[in-house]
Amino acid sequence: MNNTPYDPAAAQQAEMEKLKKQVLERILDRDALERLSRVRLGDPALAQQVELYLLQLAQSGKLRELITDAKLREVLQLITDKKDITIRRR
């Protein structure tokens, strides 16, 4: 018998992660999936932003083809450019 208590929030979170992974595997080619996993290791917050962006594109029907590694690099560049903040001193 398992002595760990059942946590419905954790179960729901695990199910959402599983669905997210399935969608990402469907919309990204092999090289792009590999790059995203490497980004996740280095910068989990950036990877999460990219995943949410890609999932929104997929959900809205704006993706017509698989996202290649080159396209994923463009998305990464787009998101990292948005994060750059310039401070000007007077």
C-alpha atoms as a PDB file:
ATOM      1  CA  MET A   1       0.000   0.000   0.000  1.00  0.00           C
ATOM      2  CA  ASN A   2       1.238   3.475  -0.869  1.00  0.00           C
ATOM      3  CA  ASN A   3       1.540   5.786   2.147  1.00  0.00           C
ATOM      4  CA  THR A   4       1.866   9.036   0.171  1.00  0.00           C
ATOM      5  CA  PRO A   5      -1.270  11.196   0.293  1.00  0.00           C
ATOM      6  CA  TYR A   6      -3.097  11.909  -2.935  1.00  0.00           C
ATOM      7  CA  ASP A   7      -2.570  15.481  -4.068  1.00  0.00           C
ATOM      8  CA  PRO A   8      -5.116  16.482  -6.733  1.00  0.00           C
ATOM      9  CA  ALA A   9      -3.241  19.700  -7.546  1.00  0.00           C
ATOM     10  CA  ALA A  10      -0.037  17.775  -8.211  1.00  0.00           C
ATOM     11  CA  ALA A  11      -1.926  15.242 -10.309  1.00  0.00           C
ATOM     12  CA  GLN A  12      -3.521  18.017 -12.345  1.00  0.00           C
ATOM     13  CA  GLN A  13      -0.139  19.718 -12.792  1.00  0.00           C
ATOM     14  CA  ALA A  14       1.412  16.454 -13.981  1.00  0.00           C
ATOM     15  CA  GLU A  15      -1.435  15.943 -16.457  1.00  0.00           C
ATOM     16  CA  MET A  16      -0.993  19.483 -17.825  1.00  0.00           C
ATOM     17  CA  GLU A  17       2.753  18.919 -18.243  1.00  0.00           C
ATOM     18  CA  LYS A  18       2.048  15.669 -20.077  1.00  0.00           C
ATOM     19  CA  LEU A  19      -0.395  17.387 -22.455  1.00  0.00           C
ATOM     20  CA  LYS A  20       2.038  20.268 -23.027  1.00  0.00           C
ATOM     21  CA  LYS A  21       4.806  17.820 -23.877  1.00  0.00           C
ATOM     22  CA  GLN A  22       2.545  15.978 -26.331  1.00  0.00           C
ATOM     23  CA  VAL A  23       1.600  19.194 -28.134  1.00  0.00           C
ATOM     24  CA  LEU A  24       5.213  20.362 -28.300  1.00  0.00           C
ATOM     25  CA  GLU A  25       6.277  16.995 -29.728  1.00  0.00           C
ATOM     26  CA  ARG A  26       3.596  17.392 -32.386  1.00  0.00           C
ATOM     27  CA  ILE A  27       4.530  20.951 -33.449  1.00  0.00           C
ATOM     28  CA  LEU A  28       8.353  20.857 -33.157  1.00  0.00           C
ATOM     29  CA  ASP A  29      10.716  18.807 -35.275  1.00  0.00           C
ATOM     30  CA  ARG A  30      13.358  16.652 -33.598  1.00  0.00           C
ATOM     31  CA  ASP A  31      16.145  19.264 -33.723  1.00  0.00           C
ATOM     32  CA  ALA A  32      13.884  21.996 -32.346  1.00  0.00           C
ATOM     33  CA  LEU A  33      12.764  19.742 -29.488  1.00  0.00           C
ATOM     34  CA  GLU A  34      16.387  19.039 -28.665  1.00  0.00           C
ATOM     35  CA  ARG A  35      17.260  22.745 -28.694  1.00  0.00           C
ATOM     36  CA  LEU A  36      14.292  23.558 -26.452  1.00  0.00           C
ATOM     37  CA  SER A  37      15.373  20.917 -23.951  1.00  0.00           C
ATOM     38  CA  ARG A  38      18.890  22.417 -23.883  1.00  0.00           C
ATOM     39  CA  VAL A  39      17.428  25.883 -23.355  1.00  0.00           C
ATOM     40  CA  ARG A  40      15.320  24.467 -20.499  1.00  0.00           C
ATOM     41  CA  LEU A  41      18.499  23.222 -18.813  1.00  0.00           C
ATOM     42  CA  GLY A  42      20.209  26.598 -19.080  1.00  0.00           C
ATOM     43  CA  ASP A  43      17.295  28.988 -18.569  1.00  0.00           C
ATOM     44  CA  PRO A  44      14.043  27.352 -17.406  1.00  0.00           C
ATOM     45  CA  ALA A  45      12.163  30.675 -17.371  1.00  0.00           C
ATOM     46  CA  LEU A  46      13.039  31.383 -21.009  1.00  0.00           C
ATOM     47  CA  ALA A  47      12.063  27.855 -22.017  1.00  0.00           C
ATOM     48  CA  GLN A  48       8.706  28.281 -20.290  1.00  0.00           C
ATOM     49  CA  GLN A  49       8.081  31.568 -22.135  1.00  0.00           C
ATOM     50  CA  VAL A  50       8.922  29.925 -25.466  1.00  0.00           C
ATOM     51  CA  GLU A  51       6.690  26.937 -24.693  1.00  0.00           C
ATOM     52  CA  LEU A  52       3.749  29.183 -23.806  1.00  0.00           C
ATOM     53  CA  TYR A  53       4.261  31.229 -26.975  1.00  0.00           C
ATOM     54  CA  LEU A  54       4.372  28.113 -29.152  1.00  0.00           C
ATOM     55  CA  LEU A  55       1.348  26.582 -27.432  1.00  0.00           C
ATOM     56  CA  GLN A  56      -0.628  29.784 -27.999  1.00  0.00           C
ATOM     57  CA  LEU A  57       0.296  29.740 -31.688  1.00  0.00           C
ATOM     58  CA  ALA A  58      -0.762  26.110 -31.964  1.00  0.00           C
ATOM     59  CA  GLN A  59      -4.017  26.705 -30.114  1.00  0.00           C
ATOM     60  CA  SER A  60      -4.928  29.677 -32.298  1.00  0.00           C
ATOM     61  CA  GLY A  61      -4.262  27.661 -35.466  1.00  0.00           C
ATOM     62  CA  LYS A  62      -1.472  29.918 -36.735  1.00  0.00           C
ATOM     63  CA  LEU A  63       0.989  27.067 -37.225  1.00  0.00           C
ATOM     64  CA  ARG A  64       0.834  25.608 -40.706  1.00  0.00           C
ATOM     65  CA  GLU A  65       3.929  23.394 -40.530  1.00  0.00           C
ATOM     66  CA  LEU A  66       6.391  21.884 -38.087  1.00  0.00           C
ATOM     67  CA  ILE A  67       8.628  24.358 -36.319  1.00  0.00           C
ATOM     68  CA  THR A  68      12.199  23.717 -37.368  1.00  0.00           C
ATOM     69  CA  ASP A  69      15.334  24.461 -35.406  1.00  0.00           C
ATOM     70  CA  ALA A  70      15.845  27.652 -37.434  1.00  0.00           C
ATOM     71  CA  LYS A  71      12.312  28.861 -36.656  1.00  0.00           C
ATOM     72  CA  LEU A  72      12.798  28.062 -32.973  1.00  0.00           C
ATOM     73  CA  ARG A  73      15.993  30.139 -32.979  1.00  0.00           C
ATOM     74  CA  GLU A  74      13.958  33.031 -34.436  1.00  0.00           C
ATOM     75  CA  VAL A  75      11.386  32.657 -31.644  1.00  0.00           C
ATOM     76  CA  LEU A  76      14.156  32.574 -29.036  1.00  0.00           C
ATOM     77  CA  GLN A  77      15.670  35.719 -30.534  1.00  0.00           C
ATOM     78  CA  LEU A  78      12.271  37.429 -30.567  1.00  0.00           C
ATOM     79  CA  ILE A  79      11.614  36.639 -26.916  1.00  0.00           C
ATOM     80  CA  THR A  80      15.109  37.525 -25.701  1.00  0.00           C
ATOM     81  CA  ASP A  81      14.990  40.826 -27.627  1.00  0.00           C
ATOM     82  CA  LYS A  82      11.802  41.736 -25.760  1.00  0.00           C
ATOM     83  CA  LYS A  83      13.582  41.171 -22.445  1.00  0.00           C
ATOM     84  CA  ASP A  84      16.470  43.567 -23.154  1.00  0.00           C
ATOM     85  CA  ILE A  85      16.162  46.697 -21.045  1.00  0.00           C
ATOM     86  CA  THR A  86      18.309  49.705 -21.727  1.00  0.00           C
ATOM     87  CA  ILE A  87      19.094  52.142 -18.942  1.00  0.00           C
ATOM     88  CA  ARG A  88      20.238  55.564 -20.024  1.00  0.00           C
ATOM     89  CA  ARG A  89      22.107  57.701 -17.552  1.00  0.00           C
ATOM     90  CA  ARG A  90      21.969  61.457 -17.815  1.00  0.00           C
END
